[in-house]
Each structure stands twice: as C-alpha cells, then as structure tokens.
Amino acid sequence: MATYHYTLPWTVLDVGNNSLVLNRSDGILLDDQGNEHPVTTPAGVPSNVSTGPSGVTAPFHAQIPYGRVRFGSVEAAVFSIESMSALETATQAAADAAEMRVIVEAIAATASEVAYFYRDTEGD
C-alpha cells in the first residue's frame, strides 16, 4: 500500500467558535466512510495529527490519499500532496492502457495454435 505525504499546512477552523484549532496533538485521520486511519510523522513514528500555534496541521504520512482530520468535534478536509497530480496520473494511466489494448488486440488477431501435441484421431 502506498504512503501518502500530508506536508501542506491544512488550516483547522472551529466554525462554531470562529477560531482556529491551535496547539492540539489529539487529532485523528478519517476516511470518507468515517473509519480512522493511523498516521505517522515524516520519520515514520506512529503519531496523532497535530496542529501548531497558527492552527495548521503539522506534516504527517498516511495510507489514504485524502480524508478528514478530527480534533474533538471539529473536522477539516485534507488531502495528500500526491492527490494534487491525480488527474495527470490518471490521464497517463488511461493512455498507457489504451496503447496496451491495441497491442493485445493485434496479438489476438494474429494468434493461432502452433502445435498439436497428444491429439487422438478425433482431434481431442
């Protein structure tokens, strides 16, 4: 499974109190179904998501490309740096797949059985 890098500073805003979530170290990462996912520091040490004195997330790594960070009742959307080039990656993958399909179809169109080993007189 891939490791995704969350090194951009994501602002965590408590809209109920109209204030930033400052200096917290109890954040968790949730996927789009609400399941919690473990995070690590950039050095690979298991950790919670944290915010600094400006209310933005500290860099962390995770196994999902996007999600929500939760600090108590406050949630904020986050996505990995790798997600920023997802369209480019998907477009290239689609082009590679289309190219490979043409090659495979050409092989299939010209394929034929080469040898008849151990066939009886009825061809079985």
C-alpha atoms as a PDB file:
ATOM      1  CA  MET A   1       0.000   0.000   0.000  1.00  0.00           C
ATOM      2  CA  ALA A   2       1.213   3.488  -0.837  1.00  0.00           C
ATOM      3  CA  THR A   3       2.284   6.031   1.732  1.00  0.00           C
ATOM      4  CA  TYR A   4       0.852   9.484   1.143  1.00  0.00           C
ATOM      5  CA  HIS A   5       2.505  12.691   2.317  1.00  0.00           C
ATOM      6  CA  TYR A   6       0.465  15.400   4.032  1.00  0.00           C
ATOM      7  CA  THR A   7       3.081  18.121   4.252  1.00  0.00           C
ATOM      8  CA  LEU A   8       0.987  21.079   3.122  1.00  0.00           C
ATOM      9  CA  PRO A   9      -0.299  23.204   6.015  1.00  0.00           C
ATOM     10  CA  TRP A  10      -4.027  22.474   6.328  1.00  0.00           C
ATOM     11  CA  THR A  11      -5.938  25.030   8.403  1.00  0.00           C
ATOM     12  CA  VAL A  12      -8.258  23.575  11.054  1.00  0.00           C
ATOM     13  CA  LEU A  13     -11.061  26.022  11.821  1.00  0.00           C
ATOM     14  CA  ASP A  14     -13.670  25.598  14.531  1.00  0.00           C
ATOM     15  CA  VAL A  15     -16.610  27.317  12.820  1.00  0.00           C
ATOM     16  CA  GLY A  16     -18.730  27.037  15.976  1.00  0.00           C
ATOM     17  CA  ASN A  17     -16.314  29.234  17.928  1.00  0.00           C
ATOM     18  CA  ASN A  18     -14.997  31.104  14.882  1.00  0.00           C
ATOM     19  CA  SER A  19     -11.418  30.272  15.884  1.00  0.00           C
ATOM     20  CA  LEU A  20      -8.509  28.189  14.717  1.00  0.00           C
ATOM     21  CA  VAL A  21      -7.741  24.896  16.467  1.00  0.00           C
ATOM     22  CA  LEU A  22      -4.377  25.774  17.999  1.00  0.00           C
ATOM     23  CA  ASN A  23      -1.646  23.601  19.550  1.00  0.00           C
ATOM     24  CA  ARG A  24      -3.548  20.315  19.552  1.00  0.00           C
ATOM     25  CA  SER A  25      -1.942  16.867  19.409  1.00  0.00           C
ATOM     26  CA  ASP A  26      -5.028  14.649  19.636  1.00  0.00           C
ATOM     27  CA  GLY A  27      -6.169  14.679  16.016  1.00  0.00           C
ATOM     28  CA  ILE A  28      -7.194  11.569  14.094  1.00  0.00           C
ATOM     29  CA  LEU A  29      -7.453  10.927  10.355  1.00  0.00           C
ATOM     30  CA  LEU A  30     -10.751   9.618   8.984  1.00  0.00           C
ATOM     31  CA  ASP A  31     -11.543   8.271   5.524  1.00  0.00           C
ATOM     32  CA  ASP A  32     -14.716   9.189   3.620  1.00  0.00           C
ATOM     33  CA  GLN A  33     -16.643   6.400   5.410  1.00  0.00           C
ATOM     34  CA  GLY A  34     -15.592   7.700   8.844  1.00  0.00           C
ATOM     35  CA  ASN A  35     -13.031   4.954   9.545  1.00  0.00           C
ATOM     36  CA  GLU A  36      -9.945   6.011  11.496  1.00  0.00           C
ATOM     37  CA  HIS A  37      -6.558   5.522   9.828  1.00  0.00           C
ATOM     38  CA  PRO A  38      -3.167   5.539  11.525  1.00  0.00           C
ATOM     39  CA  VAL A  39      -0.740   8.335  10.789  1.00  0.00           C
ATOM     40  CA  THR A  40       2.989   8.681  11.297  1.00  0.00           C
ATOM     41  CA  THR A  41       5.425  11.539  11.494  1.00  0.00           C
ATOM     42  CA  PRO A  42       7.584  12.091   8.400  1.00  0.00           C
ATOM     43  CA  ALA A  43      10.225   9.984  10.228  1.00  0.00           C
ATOM     44  CA  GLY A  44       7.784   7.046  10.394  1.00  0.00           C
ATOM     45  CA  VAL A  45       6.919   7.252  14.097  1.00  0.00           C
ATOM     46  CA  PRO A  46       3.240   6.473  14.892  1.00  0.00           C
ATOM     47  CA  SER A  47       1.524   9.662  15.978  1.00  0.00           C
ATOM     48  CA  ASN A  48      -1.714  11.605  16.136  1.00  0.00           C
ATOM     49  CA  VAL A  49      -2.383  14.533  13.842  1.00  0.00           C
ATOM     50  CA  SER A  50      -1.337  17.786  15.477  1.00  0.00           C
ATOM     51  CA  THR A  51      -1.687  21.498  14.899  1.00  0.00           C
ATOM     52  CA  GLY A  52       0.751  24.251  15.733  1.00  0.00           C
ATOM     53  CA  PRO A  53       0.348  27.763  17.134  1.00  0.00           C
ATOM     54  CA  SER A  54      -1.075  29.018  13.828  1.00  0.00           C
ATOM     55  CA  GLY A  55      -3.816  26.363  13.666  1.00  0.00           C
ATOM     56  CA  VAL A  56      -2.431  24.376  10.755  1.00  0.00           C
ATOM     57  CA  THR A  57      -1.619  20.682  10.689  1.00  0.00           C
ATOM     58  CA  ALA A  58       1.932  19.502  11.196  1.00  0.00           C
ATOM     59  CA  PRO A  59       3.295  17.257   8.400  1.00  0.00           C
ATOM     60  CA  PHE A  60       2.245  13.607   8.609  1.00  0.00           C
ATOM     61  CA  HIS A  61       2.074  10.474   6.468  1.00  0.00           C
ATOM     62  CA  ALA A  62      -0.867   8.079   5.998  1.00  0.00           C
ATOM     63  CA  GLN A  63      -2.018   5.174   3.838  1.00  0.00           C
ATOM     64  CA  ILE A  64      -5.020   7.015   2.331  1.00  0.00           C
ATOM     65  CA  PRO A  65      -4.800   9.827  -0.252  1.00  0.00           C
ATOM     66  CA  TYR A  66      -7.419  12.110   1.336  1.00  0.00           C
ATOM     67  CA  GLY A  67      -9.726  12.349   4.315  1.00  0.00           C
ATOM     68  CA  ARG A  68     -10.719  14.467   7.283  1.00  0.00           C
ATOM     69  CA  VAL A  69      -8.785  15.304  10.411  1.00  0.00           C
ATOM     70  CA  ARG A  70     -10.826  15.425  13.604  1.00  0.00           C
ATOM     71  CA  PHE A  71      -9.929  17.311  16.760  1.00  0.00           C
ATOM     72  CA  GLY A  72     -12.764  16.665  19.218  1.00  0.00           C
ATOM     73  CA  SER A  73     -15.904  17.766  17.377  1.00  0.00           C
ATOM     74  CA  VAL A  74     -14.042  19.822  14.770  1.00  0.00           C
ATOM     75  CA  GLU A  75     -13.230  18.303  11.372  1.00  0.00           C
ATOM     76  CA  ALA A  76     -11.285  19.649   8.409  1.00  0.00           C
ATOM     77  CA  ALA A  77     -10.734  18.160   4.963  1.00  0.00           C
ATOM     78  CA  VAL A  78      -7.169  17.212   3.999  1.00  0.00           C
ATOM     79  CA  PHE A  79      -5.565  15.597   1.002  1.00  0.00           C
ATOM     80  CA  SER A  80      -2.084  14.388   0.254  1.00  0.00           C
ATOM     81  CA  ILE A  81       0.462  16.019  -1.980  1.00  0.00           C
ATOM     82  CA  GLU A  82       0.156  13.020  -4.322  1.00  0.00           C
ATOM     83  CA  SER A  83      -3.527  13.865  -4.833  1.00  0.00           C
ATOM     84  CA  MET A  84      -2.556  17.182  -6.396  1.00  0.00           C
ATOM     85  CA  SER A  85      -1.368  15.360  -9.523  1.00  0.00           C
ATOM     86  CA  ALA A  86      -4.083  12.672  -9.568  1.00  0.00           C
ATOM     87  CA  LEU A  87      -5.644  13.870 -12.838  1.00  0.00           C
ATOM     88  CA  GLU A  88      -2.282  13.843 -14.590  1.00  0.00           C
ATOM     89  CA  THR A  89      -1.512  10.348 -13.255  1.00  0.00           C
ATOM     90  CA  ALA A  90      -4.949   9.009 -14.229  1.00  0.00           C
ATOM     91  CA  THR A  91      -4.735  10.519 -17.722  1.00  0.00           C
ATOM     92  CA  GLN A  92      -1.337   8.896 -18.291  1.00  0.00           C
ATOM     93  CA  ALA A  93      -2.603   5.546 -16.979  1.00  0.00           C
ATOM     94  CA  ALA A  94      -5.586   5.698 -19.349  1.00  0.00           C
ATOM     95  CA  ALA A  95      -3.287   6.438 -22.301  1.00  0.00           C
ATOM     96  CA  ASP A  96      -0.969   3.558 -21.330  1.00  0.00           C
ATOM     97  CA  ALA A  97      -3.951   1.192 -21.028  1.00  0.00           C
ATOM     98  CA  ALA A  98      -5.316   2.218 -24.422  1.00  0.00           C
ATOM     99  CA  GLU A  99      -1.908   1.664 -26.015  1.00  0.00           C
ATOM    100  CA  MET A 100      -1.590  -1.762 -24.403  1.00  0.00           C
ATOM    101  CA  ARG A 101      -5.095  -2.725 -25.556  1.00  0.00           C
ATOM    102  CA  VAL A 102      -4.149  -2.017 -29.171  1.00  0.00           C
ATOM    103  CA  ILE A 103      -1.079  -4.229 -28.797  1.00  0.00           C
ATOM    104  CA  VAL A 104      -3.003  -7.073 -27.161  1.00  0.00           C
ATOM    105  CA  GLU A 105      -5.781  -6.920 -29.770  1.00  0.00           C
ATOM    106  CA  ALA A 106      -3.181  -7.068 -32.550  1.00  0.00           C
ATOM    107  CA  ILE A 107      -1.615 -10.144 -30.956  1.00  0.00           C
ATOM    108  CA  ALA A 108      -5.034 -11.773 -30.503  1.00  0.00           C
ATOM    109  CA  ALA A 109      -5.969 -11.098 -34.137  1.00  0.00           C
ATOM    110  CA  THR A 110      -2.885 -12.886 -35.436  1.00  0.00           C
ATOM    111  CA  ALA A 111      -2.642 -15.658 -32.849  1.00  0.00           C
ATOM    112  CA  SER A 112      -3.041 -19.254 -33.893  1.00  0.00           C
ATOM    113  CA  GLU A 113      -2.389 -22.670 -32.420  1.00  0.00           C
ATOM    114  CA  VAL A 114       1.160 -23.698 -33.212  1.00  0.00           C
ATOM    115  CA  ALA A 115       1.321 -27.393 -32.396  1.00  0.00           C
ATOM    116  CA  TYR A 116      -0.978 -30.327 -31.802  1.00  0.00           C
ATOM    117  CA  PHE A 117       0.518 -32.406 -29.035  1.00  0.00           C
ATOM    118  CA  TYR A 118      -1.068 -35.681 -27.956  1.00  0.00           C
ATOM    119  CA  ARG A 119      -4.183 -35.434 -30.139  1.00  0.00           C
ATOM    120  CA  ASP A 120      -6.209 -38.504 -30.933  1.00  0.00           C
ATOM    121  CA  THR A 121      -7.707 -39.211 -34.367  1.00  0.00           C
ATOM    122  CA  GLU A 122     -10.832 -37.134 -33.493  1.00  0.00           C
ATOM    123  CA  GLY A 123      -8.654 -34.105 -32.634  1.00  0.00           C
ATOM    124  CA  ASP A 124      -9.170 -34.300 -28.850  1.00  0.00           C
END
